Amino acid sequence: LRASGRRAMLVTGRRLDDLLSVCECRELFDYVVAENGALVYDPQSREI
């Protein structure tokens, strides 16, 4: 999907630290929407 030039977002109800402890391919996502929409995380810059 990413090689085709498309974007990807992971959208979860999990807390961010909980997600990062189990998700081993977060670099494949442009953004992670965590805590059911309350938090947006950039895996590249690690900005929350």
ModelCIF file with pLDDT and N, C-alpha, C, O atoms, coordinates in Angstrom:
data_MODEL
#
_entry.id   MODEL 
#
_entity.id                         1 
_entity.type                       polymer 
_entity.pdbx_number_of_molecules   1 
#
_entity_poly.entity_id                      1 
_entity_poly.type                           'polypeptide(L)' 
_entity_poly.nstd_linkage                   no 
_entity_poly.nstd_monomer                   no 
_entity_poly.pdbx_seq_one_letter_code       LRASGRRAMLVTGRRLDDLLSVCECRELFDYVVAENGALVYDPQSREI 
_entity_poly.pdbx_seq_one_letter_code_can   LRASGRRAMLVTGRRLDDLLSVCECRELFDYVVAENGALVYDPQSREI 
_entity_poly.pdbx_strand_id                 A 
#
loop_
_entity_poly_seq.entity_id 
_entity_poly_seq.num 
_entity_poly_seq.mon_id 
_entity_poly_seq.hetero 
1 1  LEU n 
1 2  ARG n 
1 3  ALA n 
1 4  SER n 
1 5  GLY n 
1 6  ARG n 
1 7  ARG n 
1 8  ALA n 
1 9  MET n 
1 10 LEU n 
1 11 VAL n 
1 12 THR n 
1 13 GLY n 
1 14 ARG n 
1 15 ARG n 
1 16 LEU n 
1 17 ASP n 
1 18 ASP n 
1 19 LEU n 
1 20 LEU n 
1 21 SER n 
1 22 VAL n 
1 23 CYS n 
1 24 GLU n 
1 25 CYS n 
1 26 ARG n 
1 27 GLU n 
1 28 LEU n 
1 29 PHE n 
1 30 ASP n 
1 31 TYR n 
1 32 VAL n 
1 33 VAL n 
1 34 ALA n 
1 35 GLU n 
1 36 ASN n 
1 37 GLY n 
1 38 ALA n 
1 39 LEU n 
1 40 VAL n 
1 41 TYR n 
1 42 ASP n 
1 43 PRO n 
1 44 GLN n 
1 45 SER n 
1 46 ARG n 
1 47 GLU n 
1 48 ILE n 
#
_struct_asym.id          A 
_struct_asym.entity_id   1 
#
loop_
_ma_qa_metric.id 
_ma_qa_metric.mode 
_ma_qa_metric.name 
_ma_qa_metric.software_group_id 
_ma_qa_metric.type 
1 global pLDDT . pLDDT 
2 local  pLDDT . pLDDT 
#
_ma_qa_metric_global.metric_id      1 
_ma_qa_metric_global.metric_value   96.77 
_ma_qa_metric_global.model_id       1 
_ma_qa_metric_global.ordinal_id     1 
#
loop_
_ma_qa_metric_local.label_asym_id 
_ma_qa_metric_local.label_comp_id 
_ma_qa_metric_local.label_seq_id 
_ma_qa_metric_local.metric_id 
_ma_qa_metric_local.metric_value 
_ma_qa_metric_local.model_id 
_ma_qa_metric_local.ordinal_id 
A LEU 1  2 98.00 1 1  
A ARG 2  2 97.00 1 2  
A ALA 3  2 98.00 1 3  
A SER 4  2 97.00 1 4  
A GLY 5  2 97.00 1 5  
A ARG 6  2 98.00 1 6  
A ARG 7  2 98.00 1 7  
A ALA 8  2 98.00 1 8  
A MET 9  2 98.00 1 9  
A LEU 10 2 98.00 1 10 
A VAL 11 2 98.00 1 11 
A THR 12 2 97.00 1 12 
A GLY 13 2 97.00 1 13 
A ARG 14 2 97.00 1 14 
A ARG 15 2 97.00 1 15 
A LEU 16 2 97.00 1 16 
A ASP 17 2 96.00 1 17 
A ASP 18 2 96.00 1 18 
A LEU 19 2 97.00 1 19 
A LEU 20 2 96.00 1 20 
A SER 21 2 96.00 1 21 
A VAL 22 2 96.00 1 22 
A CYS 23 2 95.00 1 23 
A GLU 24 2 88.00 1 24 
A CYS 25 2 91.00 1 25 
A ARG 26 2 91.00 1 26 
A GLU 27 2 94.00 1 27 
A LEU 28 2 96.00 1 28 
A PHE 29 2 98.00 1 29 
A ASP 30 2 98.00 1 30 
A TYR 31 2 98.00 1 31 
A VAL 32 2 98.00 1 32 
A VAL 33 2 98.00 1 33 
A ALA 34 2 98.00 1 34 
A GLU 35 2 98.00 1 35 
A ASN 36 2 97.00 1 36 
A GLY 37 2 98.00 1 37 
A ALA 38 2 98.00 1 38 
A LEU 39 2 98.00 1 39 
A VAL 40 2 98.00 1 40 
A TYR 41 2 98.00 1 41 
A ASP 42 2 98.00 1 42 
A PRO 43 2 97.00 1 43 
A GLN 44 2 96.00 1 44 
A SER 45 2 97.00 1 45 
A ARG 46 2 96.00 1 46 
A GLU 47 2 98.00 1 47 
A ILE 48 2 98.00 1 48 
#
loop_
_atom_site.group_PDB 
_atom_site.id 
_atom_site.type_symbol 
_atom_site.label_atom_id 
_atom_site.label_alt_id 
_atom_site.label_comp_id 
_atom_site.label_asym_id 
_atom_site.label_entity_id 
_atom_site.label_seq_id 
_atom_site.pdbx_PDB_ins_code 
_atom_site.Cartn_x 
_atom_site.Cartn_y 
_atom_site.Cartn_z 
_atom_site.occupancy 
_atom_site.B_iso_or_equiv 
_atom_site.pdbx_formal_charge 
_atom_site.auth_seq_id 
_atom_site.auth_comp_id 
_atom_site.auth_asym_id 
_atom_site.auth_atom_id 
_atom_site.pdbx_PDB_model_num 
ATOM 1   N N  . LEU A 1 1  ? 0.834   -1.202 0.000  1.00 98.00 ? 1  LEU A N  1 
ATOM 2   C CA . LEU A 1 1  ? 0.000   0.000  0.000  1.00 98.00 ? 1  LEU A CA 1 
ATOM 3   C C  . LEU A 1 1  ? 0.871   1.255  0.000  1.00 98.00 ? 1  LEU A C  1 
ATOM 4   O O  . LEU A 1 1  ? 0.636   2.175  -0.784 1.00 98.00 ? 1  LEU A O  1 
ATOM 5   N N  . ARG A 1 2  ? 1.869   1.296  0.872  1.00 97.00 ? 2  ARG A N  1 
ATOM 6   C CA . ARG A 1 2  ? 2.743   2.453  0.958  1.00 97.00 ? 2  ARG A CA 1 
ATOM 7   C C  . ARG A 1 2  ? 3.595   2.602  -0.290 1.00 97.00 ? 2  ARG A C  1 
ATOM 8   O O  . ARG A 1 2  ? 3.859   3.720  -0.731 1.00 97.00 ? 2  ARG A O  1 
ATOM 9   N N  . ALA A 1 3  ? 4.024   1.496  -0.861 1.00 98.00 ? 3  ALA A N  1 
ATOM 10  C CA . ALA A 1 3  ? 4.828   1.545  -2.090 1.00 98.00 ? 3  ALA A CA 1 
ATOM 11  C C  . ALA A 1 3  ? 4.028   2.122  -3.259 1.00 98.00 ? 3  ALA A C  1 
ATOM 12  O O  . ALA A 1 3  ? 4.609   2.657  -4.203 1.00 98.00 ? 3  ALA A O  1 
ATOM 13  N N  . SER A 1 4  ? 2.703   2.017  -3.202 1.00 97.00 ? 4  SER A N  1 
ATOM 14  C CA . SER A 1 4  ? 1.843   2.556  -4.264 1.00 97.00 ? 4  SER A CA 1 
ATOM 15  C C  . SER A 1 4  ? 1.674   4.069  -4.148 1.00 97.00 ? 4  SER A C  1 
ATOM 16  O O  . SER A 1 4  ? 1.058   4.697  -5.009 1.00 97.00 ? 4  SER A O  1 
ATOM 17  N N  . GLY A 1 5  ? 2.225   4.655  -3.076 1.00 97.00 ? 5  GLY A N  1 
ATOM 18  C CA . GLY A 1 5  ? 2.099   6.093  -2.852 1.00 97.00 ? 5  GLY A CA 1 
ATOM 19  C C  . GLY A 1 5  ? 0.935   6.477  -1.969 1.00 97.00 ? 5  GLY A C  1 
ATOM 20  O O  . GLY A 1 5  ? 0.707   7.660  -1.718 1.00 97.00 ? 5  GLY A O  1 
ATOM 21  N N  . ARG A 1 6  ? 0.193   5.484  -1.492 1.00 98.00 ? 6  ARG A N  1 
ATOM 22  C CA . ARG A 1 6  ? -0.960  5.766  -0.640 1.00 98.00 ? 6  ARG A CA 1 
ATOM 23  C C  . ARG A 1 6  ? -0.531  5.970  0.816  1.00 98.00 ? 6  ARG A C  1 
ATOM 24  O O  . ARG A 1 6  ? 0.557   5.571  1.229  1.00 98.00 ? 6  ARG A O  1 
ATOM 25  N N  . ARG A 1 7  ? -1.417  6.599  1.569  1.00 98.00 ? 7  ARG A N  1 
ATOM 26  C CA . ARG A 1 7  ? -1.168  6.895  2.984  1.00 98.00 ? 7  ARG A CA 1 
ATOM 27  C C  . ARG A 1 7  ? -1.885  5.877  3.864  1.00 98.00 ? 7  ARG A C  1 
ATOM 28  O O  . ARG A 1 7  ? -2.828  5.217  3.429  1.00 98.00 ? 7  ARG A O  1 
ATOM 29  N N  . ALA A 1 8  ? -1.425  5.760  5.102  1.00 98.00 ? 8  ALA A N  1 
ATOM 30  C CA . ALA A 1 8  ? -2.049  4.817  6.037  1.00 98.00 ? 8  ALA A CA 1 
ATOM 31  C C  . ALA A 1 8  ? -2.146  5.447  7.420  1.00 98.00 ? 8  ALA A C  1 
ATOM 32  O O  . ALA A 1 8  ? -1.221  6.111  7.888  1.00 98.00 ? 8  ALA A O  1 
ATOM 33  N N  . MET A 1 9  ? -3.281  5.223  8.057  1.00 98.00 ? 9  MET A N  1 
ATOM 34  C CA . MET A 1 9  ? -3.507  5.684  9.427  1.00 98.00 ? 9  MET A CA 1 
ATOM 35  C C  . MET A 1 9  ? -3.996  4.511  10.272 1.00 98.00 ? 9  MET A C  1 
ATOM 36  O O  . MET A 1 9  ? -4.882  3.763  9.859  1.00 98.00 ? 9  MET A O  1 
ATOM 37  N N  . LEU A 1 10 ? -3.419  4.361  11.440 1.00 98.00 ? 10 LEU A N  1 
ATOM 38  C CA . LEU A 1 10 ? -3.849  3.342  12.395 1.00 98.00 ? 10 LEU A CA 1 
ATOM 39  C C  . LEU A 1 10 ? -4.739  4.024  13.421 1.00 98.00 ? 10 LEU A C  1 
ATOM 40  O O  . LEU A 1 10 ? -4.349  5.032  14.010 1.00 98.00 ? 10 LEU A O  1 
ATOM 41  N N  . VAL A 1 11 ? -5.939  3.478  13.638 1.00 98.00 ? 11 VAL A N  1 
ATOM 42  C CA . VAL A 1 11 ? -6.941  4.136  14.480 1.00 98.00 ? 11 VAL A CA 1 
ATOM 43  C C  . VAL A 1 11 ? -7.371  3.153  15.567 1.00 98.00 ? 11 VAL A C  1 
ATOM 44  O O  . VAL A 1 11 ? -7.962  2.115  15.269 1.00 98.00 ? 11 VAL A O  1 
ATOM 45  N N  . THR A 1 12 ? -7.077  3.478  16.825 1.00 97.00 ? 12 THR A N  1 
ATOM 46  C CA . THR A 1 12 ? -7.273  2.503  17.899 1.00 97.00 ? 12 THR A CA 1 
ATOM 47  C C  . THR A 1 12 ? -7.820  3.144  19.168 1.00 97.00 ? 12 THR A C  1 
ATOM 48  O O  . THR A 1 12 ? -7.641  4.338  19.413 1.00 97.00 ? 12 THR A O  1 
ATOM 49  N N  . GLY A 1 13 ? -8.483  2.327  19.959 1.00 97.00 ? 13 GLY A N  1 
ATOM 50  C CA . GLY A 1 13 ? -8.918  2.765  21.280 1.00 97.00 ? 13 GLY A CA 1 
ATOM 51  C C  . GLY A 1 13 ? -7.840  2.591  22.328 1.00 97.00 ? 13 GLY A C  1 
ATOM 52  O O  . GLY A 1 13 ? -7.990  3.068  23.453 1.00 97.00 ? 13 GLY A O  1 
ATOM 53  N N  . ARG A 1 14 ? -6.752  1.913  21.978 1.00 97.00 ? 14 ARG A N  1 
ATOM 54  C CA . ARG A 1 14 ? -5.682  1.656  22.947 1.00 97.00 ? 14 ARG A CA 1 
ATOM 55  C C  . ARG A 1 14 ? -4.954  2.937  23.338 1.00 97.00 ? 14 ARG A C  1 
ATOM 56  O O  . ARG A 1 14 ? -4.928  3.917  22.594 1.00 97.00 ? 14 ARG A O  1 
ATOM 57  N N  . ARG A 1 15 ? -4.360  2.897  24.540 1.00 97.00 ? 15 ARG A N  1 
ATOM 58  C CA . ARG A 1 15 ? -3.409  3.932  24.929 1.00 97.00 ? 15 ARG A CA 1 
ATOM 59  C C  . ARG A 1 15 ? -2.171  3.810  24.036 1.00 97.00 ? 15 ARG A C  1 
ATOM 60  O O  . ARG A 1 15 ? -1.842  2.716  23.578 1.00 97.00 ? 15 ARG A O  1 
ATOM 61  N N  . LEU A 1 16 ? -1.494  4.917  23.792 1.00 97.00 ? 16 LEU A N  1 
ATOM 62  C CA . LEU A 1 16 ? -0.370  4.908  22.863 1.00 97.00 ? 16 LEU A CA 1 
ATOM 63  C C  . LEU A 1 16 ? 0.759   4.002  23.346 1.00 97.00 ? 16 LEU A C  1 
ATOM 64  O O  . LEU A 1 16 ? 1.302   3.226  22.560 1.00 97.00 ? 16 LEU A O  1 
ATOM 65  N N  . ASP A 1 17 ? 1.117   4.088  24.615 1.00 96.00 ? 17 ASP A N  1 
ATOM 66  C CA . ASP A 1 17 ? 2.222   3.253  25.095 1.00 96.00 ? 17 ASP A CA 1 
ATOM 67  C C  . ASP A 1 17 ? 1.878   1.770  25.016 1.00 96.00 ? 17 ASP A C  1 
ATOM 68  O O  . ASP A 1 17 ? 2.744   0.939  24.745 1.00 96.00 ? 17 ASP A O  1 
ATOM 69  N N  . ASP A 1 18 ? 0.625   1.448  25.252 1.00 96.00 ? 18 ASP A N  1 
ATOM 70  C CA . ASP A 1 18 ? 0.166   0.063  25.131 1.00 96.00 ? 18 ASP A CA 1 
ATOM 71  C C  . ASP A 1 18 ? 0.275   -0.400 23.678 1.00 96.00 ? 18 ASP A C  1 
ATOM 72  O O  . ASP A 1 18 ? 0.753   -1.503 23.412 1.00 96.00 ? 18 ASP A O  1 
ATOM 73  N N  . LEU A 1 19 ? -0.169  0.443  22.736 1.00 97.00 ? 19 LEU A N  1 
ATOM 74  C CA . LEU A 1 19 ? -0.090  0.087  21.325 1.00 97.00 ? 19 LEU A CA 1 
ATOM 75  C C  . LEU A 1 19 ? 1.360   -0.103 20.882 1.00 97.00 ? 19 LEU A C  1 
ATOM 76  O O  . LEU A 1 19 ? 1.683   -1.091 20.222 1.00 97.00 ? 19 LEU A O  1 
ATOM 77  N N  . LEU A 1 20 ? 2.226   0.831  21.240 1.00 96.00 ? 20 LEU A N  1 
ATOM 78  C CA . LEU A 1 20 ? 3.614   0.768  20.789 1.00 96.00 ? 20 LEU A CA 1 
ATOM 79  C C  . LEU A 1 20 ? 4.351   -0.446 21.344 1.00 96.00 ? 20 LEU A C  1 
ATOM 80  O O  . LEU A 1 20 ? 5.355   -0.883 20.783 1.00 96.00 ? 20 LEU A O  1 
ATOM 81  N N  . SER A 1 21 ? 3.848   -0.981 22.442 1.00 96.00 ? 21 SER A N  1 
ATOM 82  C CA . SER A 1 21 ? 4.494   -2.171 23.027 1.00 96.00 ? 21 SER A CA 1 
ATOM 83  C C  . SER A 1 21 ? 4.172   -3.444 22.249 1.00 96.00 ? 21 SER A C  1 
ATOM 84  O O  . SER A 1 21 ? 4.870   -4.449 22.386 1.00 96.00 ? 21 SER A O  1 
ATOM 85  N N  . VAL A 1 22 ? 3.113   -3.407 21.428 1.00 96.00 ? 22 VAL A N  1 
ATOM 86  C CA . VAL A 1 22 ? 2.716   -4.619 20.690 1.00 96.00 ? 22 VAL A CA 1 
ATOM 87  C C  . VAL A 1 22 ? 2.776   -4.457 19.174 1.00 96.00 ? 22 VAL A C  1 
ATOM 88  O O  . VAL A 1 22 ? 2.882   -5.450 18.455 1.00 96.00 ? 22 VAL A O  1 
ATOM 89  N N  . CYS A 1 23 ? 2.711   -3.220 18.675 1.00 95.00 ? 23 CYS A N  1 
ATOM 90  C CA . CYS A 1 23 ? 2.700   -2.986 17.230 1.00 95.00 ? 23 CYS A CA 1 
ATOM 91  C C  . CYS A 1 23 ? 4.131   -2.789 16.742 1.00 95.00 ? 23 CYS A C  1 
ATOM 92  O O  . CYS A 1 23 ? 4.788   -1.806 17.086 1.00 95.00 ? 23 CYS A O  1 
ATOM 93  N N  . GLU A 1 24 ? 4.601   -3.731 15.942 1.00 88.00 ? 24 GLU A N  1 
ATOM 94  C CA . GLU A 1 24 ? 5.996   -3.709 15.517 1.00 88.00 ? 24 GLU A CA 1 
ATOM 95  C C  . GLU A 1 24 ? 6.206   -3.065 14.153 1.00 88.00 ? 24 GLU A C  1 
ATOM 96  O O  . GLU A 1 24 ? 7.330   -3.045 13.652 1.00 88.00 ? 24 GLU A O  1 
ATOM 97  N N  . CYS A 1 25 ? 5.145   -2.537 13.540 1.00 91.00 ? 25 CYS A N  1 
ATOM 98  C CA . CYS A 1 25 ? 5.319   -1.931 12.214 1.00 91.00 ? 25 CYS A CA 1 
ATOM 99  C C  . CYS A 1 25 ? 4.693   -0.545 12.153 1.00 91.00 ? 25 CYS A C  1 
ATOM 100 O O  . CYS A 1 25 ? 4.110   -0.168 11.137 1.00 91.00 ? 25 CYS A O  1 
ATOM 101 N N  . ARG A 1 26 ? 4.813   0.212  13.236 1.00 91.00 ? 26 ARG A N  1 
ATOM 102 C CA . ARG A 1 26 ? 4.229   1.548  13.274 1.00 91.00 ? 26 ARG A CA 1 
ATOM 103 C C  . ARG A 1 26 ? 4.841   2.485  12.236 1.00 91.00 ? 26 ARG A C  1 
ATOM 104 O O  . ARG A 1 26 ? 4.223   3.485  11.868 1.00 91.00 ? 26 ARG A O  1 
ATOM 105 N N  . GLU A 1 27 ? 6.059   2.171  11.755 1.00 94.00 ? 27 GLU A N  1 
ATOM 106 C CA . GLU A 1 27 ? 6.691   3.022  10.744 1.00 94.00 ? 27 GLU A CA 1 
ATOM 107 C C  . GLU A 1 27 ? 5.948   2.989  9.409  1.00 94.00 ? 27 GLU A C  1 
ATOM 108 O O  . GLU A 1 27 ? 6.207   3.818  8.536  1.00 94.00 ? 27 GLU A O  1 
ATOM 109 N N  . LEU A 1 28 ? 5.027   2.037  9.245  1.00 96.00 ? 28 LEU A N  1 
ATOM 110 C CA . LEU A 1 28 ? 4.247   1.943  8.011  1.00 96.00 ? 28 LEU A CA 1 
ATOM 111 C C  . LEU A 1 28 ? 3.037   2.875  8.012  1.00 96.00 ? 28 LEU A C  1 
ATOM 112 O O  . LEU A 1 28 ? 2.293   2.938  7.033  1.00 96.00 ? 28 LEU A O  1 
ATOM 113 N N  . PHE A 1 29 ? 2.846   3.597  9.114  1.00 98.00 ? 29 PHE A N  1 
ATOM 114 C CA . PHE A 1 29 ? 1.695   4.493  9.229  1.00 98.00 ? 29 PHE A CA 1 
ATOM 115 C C  . PHE A 1 29 ? 2.157   5.945  9.261  1.00 98.00 ? 29 PHE A C  1 
ATOM 116 O O  . PHE A 1 29 ? 3.134   6.291  9.925  1.00 98.00 ? 29 PHE A O  1 
ATOM 117 N N  . ASP A 1 30 ? 1.433   6.785  8.528  1.00 98.00 ? 30 ASP A N  1 
ATOM 118 C CA . ASP A 1 30 ? 1.712   8.225  8.565  1.00 98.00 ? 30 ASP A CA 1 
ATOM 119 C C  . ASP A 1 30 ? 1.320   8.803  9.916  1.00 98.00 ? 30 ASP A C  1 
ATOM 120 O O  . ASP A 1 30 ? 2.017   9.654  10.467 1.00 98.00 ? 30 ASP A O  1 
ATOM 121 N N  . TYR A 1 31 ? 0.200   8.332  10.440 1.00 98.00 ? 31 TYR A N  1 
ATOM 122 C CA . TYR A 1 31 ? -0.250  8.774  11.758 1.00 98.00 ? 31 TYR A CA 1 
ATOM 123 C C  . TYR A 1 31 ? -0.900  7.613  12.496 1.00 98.00 ? 31 TYR A C  1 
ATOM 124 O O  . TYR A 1 31 ? -1.479  6.707  11.898 1.00 98.00 ? 31 TYR A O  1 
ATOM 125 N N  . VAL A 1 32 ? -0.781  7.675  13.819 1.00 98.00 ? 32 VAL A N  1 
ATOM 126 C CA . VAL A 1 32 ? -1.507  6.764  14.698 1.00 98.00 ? 32 VAL A CA 1 
ATOM 127 C C  . VAL A 1 32 ? -2.509  7.599  15.492 1.00 98.00 ? 32 VAL A C  1 
ATOM 128 O O  . VAL A 1 32 ? -2.131  8.525  16.209 1.00 98.00 ? 32 VAL A O  1 
ATOM 129 N N  . VAL A 1 33 ? -3.782  7.262  15.357 1.00 98.00 ? 33 VAL A N  1 
ATOM 130 C CA . VAL A 1 33 ? -4.846  7.890  16.155 1.00 98.00 ? 33 VAL A CA 1 
ATOM 131 C C  . VAL A 1 33 ? -5.130  6.937  17.303 1.00 98.00 ? 33 VAL A C  1 
ATOM 132 O O  . VAL A 1 33 ? -5.654  5.845  17.087 1.00 98.00 ? 33 VAL A O  1 
ATOM 133 N N  . ALA A 1 34 ? -4.793  7.336  18.515 1.00 98.00 ? 34 ALA A N  1 
ATOM 134 C CA . ALA A 1 34 ? -4.926  6.461  19.683 1.00 98.00 ? 34 ALA A CA 1 
ATOM 135 C C  . ALA A 1 34 ? -5.953  7.021  20.662 1.00 98.00 ? 34 ALA A C  1 
ATOM 136 O O  . ALA A 1 34 ? -6.505  8.103  20.457 1.00 98.00 ? 34 ALA A O  1 
ATOM 137 N N  . GLU A 1 35 ? -6.194  6.271  21.717 1.00 98.00 ? 35 GLU A N  1 
ATOM 138 C CA . GLU A 1 35 ? -7.149  6.651  22.767 1.00 98.00 ? 35 GLU A CA 1 
ATOM 139 C C  . GLU A 1 35 ? -8.514  7.035  22.187 1.00 98.00 ? 35 GLU A C  1 
ATOM 140 O O  . GLU A 1 35 ? -9.158  7.984  22.635 1.00 98.00 ? 35 GLU A O  1 
ATOM 141 N N  . ASN A 1 36 ? -8.930  6.265  21.178 1.00 97.00 ? 36 ASN A N  1 
ATOM 142 C CA . ASN A 1 36 ? -10.252 6.440  20.569 1.00 97.00 ? 36 ASN A CA 1 
ATOM 143 C C  . ASN A 1 36 ? -10.459 7.835  19.992 1.00 97.00 ? 36 ASN A C  1 
ATOM 144 O O  . ASN A 1 36 ? -11.565 8.376  20.020 1.00 97.00 ? 36 ASN A O  1 
ATOM 145 N N  . GLY A 1 37 ? -9.373  8.410  19.466 1.00 98.00 ? 37 GLY A N  1 
ATOM 146 C CA . GLY A 1 37 ? -9.473  9.709  18.807 1.00 98.00 ? 37 GLY A CA 1 
ATOM 147 C C  . GLY A 1 37 ? -8.972  10.879 19.615 1.00 98.00 ? 37 GLY A C  1 
ATOM 148 O O  . GLY A 1 37 ? -8.963  12.004 19.116 1.00 98.00 ? 37 GLY A O  1 
ATOM 149 N N  . ALA A 1 38 ? -8.552  10.655 20.855 1.00 98.00 ? 38 ALA A N  1 
ATOM 150 C CA . ALA A 1 38 ? -8.122  11.751 21.719 1.00 98.00 ? 38 ALA A CA 1 
ATOM 151 C C  . ALA A 1 38 ? -6.676  12.156 21.505 1.00 98.00 ? 38 ALA A C  1 
ATOM 152 O O  . ALA A 1 38 ? -6.246  13.203 21.990 1.00 98.00 ? 38 ALA A O  1 
ATOM 153 N N  . LEU A 1 39 ? -5.925  11.344 20.790 1.00 98.00 ? 39 LEU A N  1 
ATOM 154 C CA . LEU A 1 39 ? -4.483  11.562 20.655 1.00 98.00 ? 39 LEU A CA 1 
ATOM 155 C C  . LEU A 1 39 ? -4.052  11.205 19.237 1.00 98.00 ? 39 LEU A C  1 
ATOM 156 O O  . LEU A 1 39 ? -4.464  10.176 18.702 1.00 98.00 ? 39 LEU A O  1 
ATOM 157 N N  . VAL A 1 40 ? -3.224  12.052 18.627 1.00 98.00 ? 40 VAL A N  1 
ATOM 158 C CA . VAL A 1 40 ? -2.670  11.771 17.299 1.00 98.00 ? 40 VAL A CA 1 
ATOM 159 C C  . VAL A 1 40 ? -1.153  11.769 17.406 1.00 98.00 ? 40 VAL A C  1 
ATOM 160 O O  . VAL A 1 40 ? -0.551  12.721 17.903 1.00 98.00 ? 40 VAL A O  1 
ATOM 161 N N  . TYR A 1 41 ? -0.539  10.678 16.931 1.00 98.00 ? 41 TYR A N  1 
ATOM 162 C CA . TYR A 1 41 ? 0.906   10.461 17.064 1.00 98.00 ? 41 TYR A CA 1 
ATOM 163 C C  . TYR A 1 41 ? 1.542   10.343 15.690 1.00 98.00 ? 41 TYR A C  1 
ATOM 164 O O  . TYR A 1 41 ? 1.047   9.616  14.829 1.00 98.00 ? 41 TYR A O  1 
ATOM 165 N N  . ASP A 1 42 ? 2.640   11.060 15.488 1.00 98.00 ? 42 ASP A N  1 
ATOM 166 C CA . ASP A 1 42 ? 3.413   10.982 14.249 1.00 98.00 ? 42 ASP A CA 1 
ATOM 167 C C  . ASP A 1 42 ? 4.590   10.036 14.485 1.00 98.00 ? 42 ASP A C  1 
ATOM 168 O O  . ASP A 1 42 ? 5.516   10.400 15.210 1.00 98.00 ? 42 ASP A O  1 
ATOM 169 N N  . PRO A 1 43 ? 4.588   8.838  13.901 1.00 97.00 ? 43 PRO A N  1 
ATOM 170 C CA . PRO A 1 43 ? 5.670   7.877  14.164 1.00 97.00 ? 43 PRO A CA 1 
ATOM 171 C C  . PRO A 1 43 ? 7.046   8.357  13.702 1.00 97.00 ? 43 PRO A C  1 
ATOM 172 O O  . PRO A 1 43 ? 8.062   7.909  14.232 1.00 97.00 ? 43 PRO A O  1 
ATOM 173 N N  . GLN A 1 44 ? 7.091   9.259  12.725 1.00 96.00 ? 44 GLN A N  1 
ATOM 174 C CA . GLN A 1 44 ? 8.383   9.743  12.236 1.00 96.00 ? 44 GLN A CA 1 
ATOM 175 C C  . GLN A 1 44 ? 9.010   10.731 13.210 1.00 96.00 ? 44 GLN A C  1 
ATOM 176 O O  . GLN A 1 44 ? 10.162  10.570 13.611 1.00 96.00 ? 44 GLN A O  1 
ATOM 177 N N  . SER A 1 45 ? 8.250   11.753 13.590 1.00 97.00 ? 45 SER A N  1 
ATOM 178 C CA . SER A 1 45 ? 8.776   12.780 14.499 1.00 97.00 ? 45 SER A CA 1 
ATOM 179 C C  . SER A 1 45 ? 8.568   12.429 15.970 1.00 97.00 ? 45 SER A C  1 
ATOM 180 O O  . SER A 1 45 ? 9.179   13.025 16.857 1.00 97.00 ? 45 SER A O  1 
ATOM 181 N N  . ARG A 1 46 ? 7.689   11.444 16.212 1.00 96.00 ? 46 ARG A N  1 
ATOM 182 C CA . ARG A 1 46 ? 7.286   11.046 17.567 1.00 96.00 ? 46 ARG A CA 1 
ATOM 183 C C  . ARG A 1 46 ? 6.535   12.161 18.301 1.00 96.00 ? 46 ARG A C  1 
ATOM 184 O O  . ARG A 1 46 ? 6.466   12.176 19.530 1.00 96.00 ? 46 ARG A O  1 
ATOM 185 N N  . GLU A 1 47 ? 5.987   13.074 17.539 1.00 98.00 ? 47 GLU A N  1 
ATOM 186 C CA . GLU A 1 47 ? 5.204   14.167 18.128 1.00 98.00 ? 47 GLU A CA 1 
ATOM 187 C C  . GLU A 1 47 ? 3.809   13.670 18.477 1.00 98.00 ? 47 GLU A C  1 
ATOM 188 O O  . GLU A 1 47 ? 3.177   12.950 17.705 1.00 98.00 ? 47 GLU A O  1 
ATOM 189 N N  . ILE A 1 48 ? 3.340   14.070 19.660 1.00 98.00 ? 48 ILE A N  1 
ATOM 190 C CA . ILE A 1 48 ? 2.010   13.708 20.149 1.00 98.00 ? 48 ILE A CA 1 
ATOM 191 C C  . ILE A 1 48 ? 1.150   14.964 20.222 1.00 98.00 ? 48 ILE A C  1 
ATOM 192 O O  . ILE A 1 48 ? -0.016  14.893 20.611 1.00 98.00 ? 48 ILE A O  1 
#
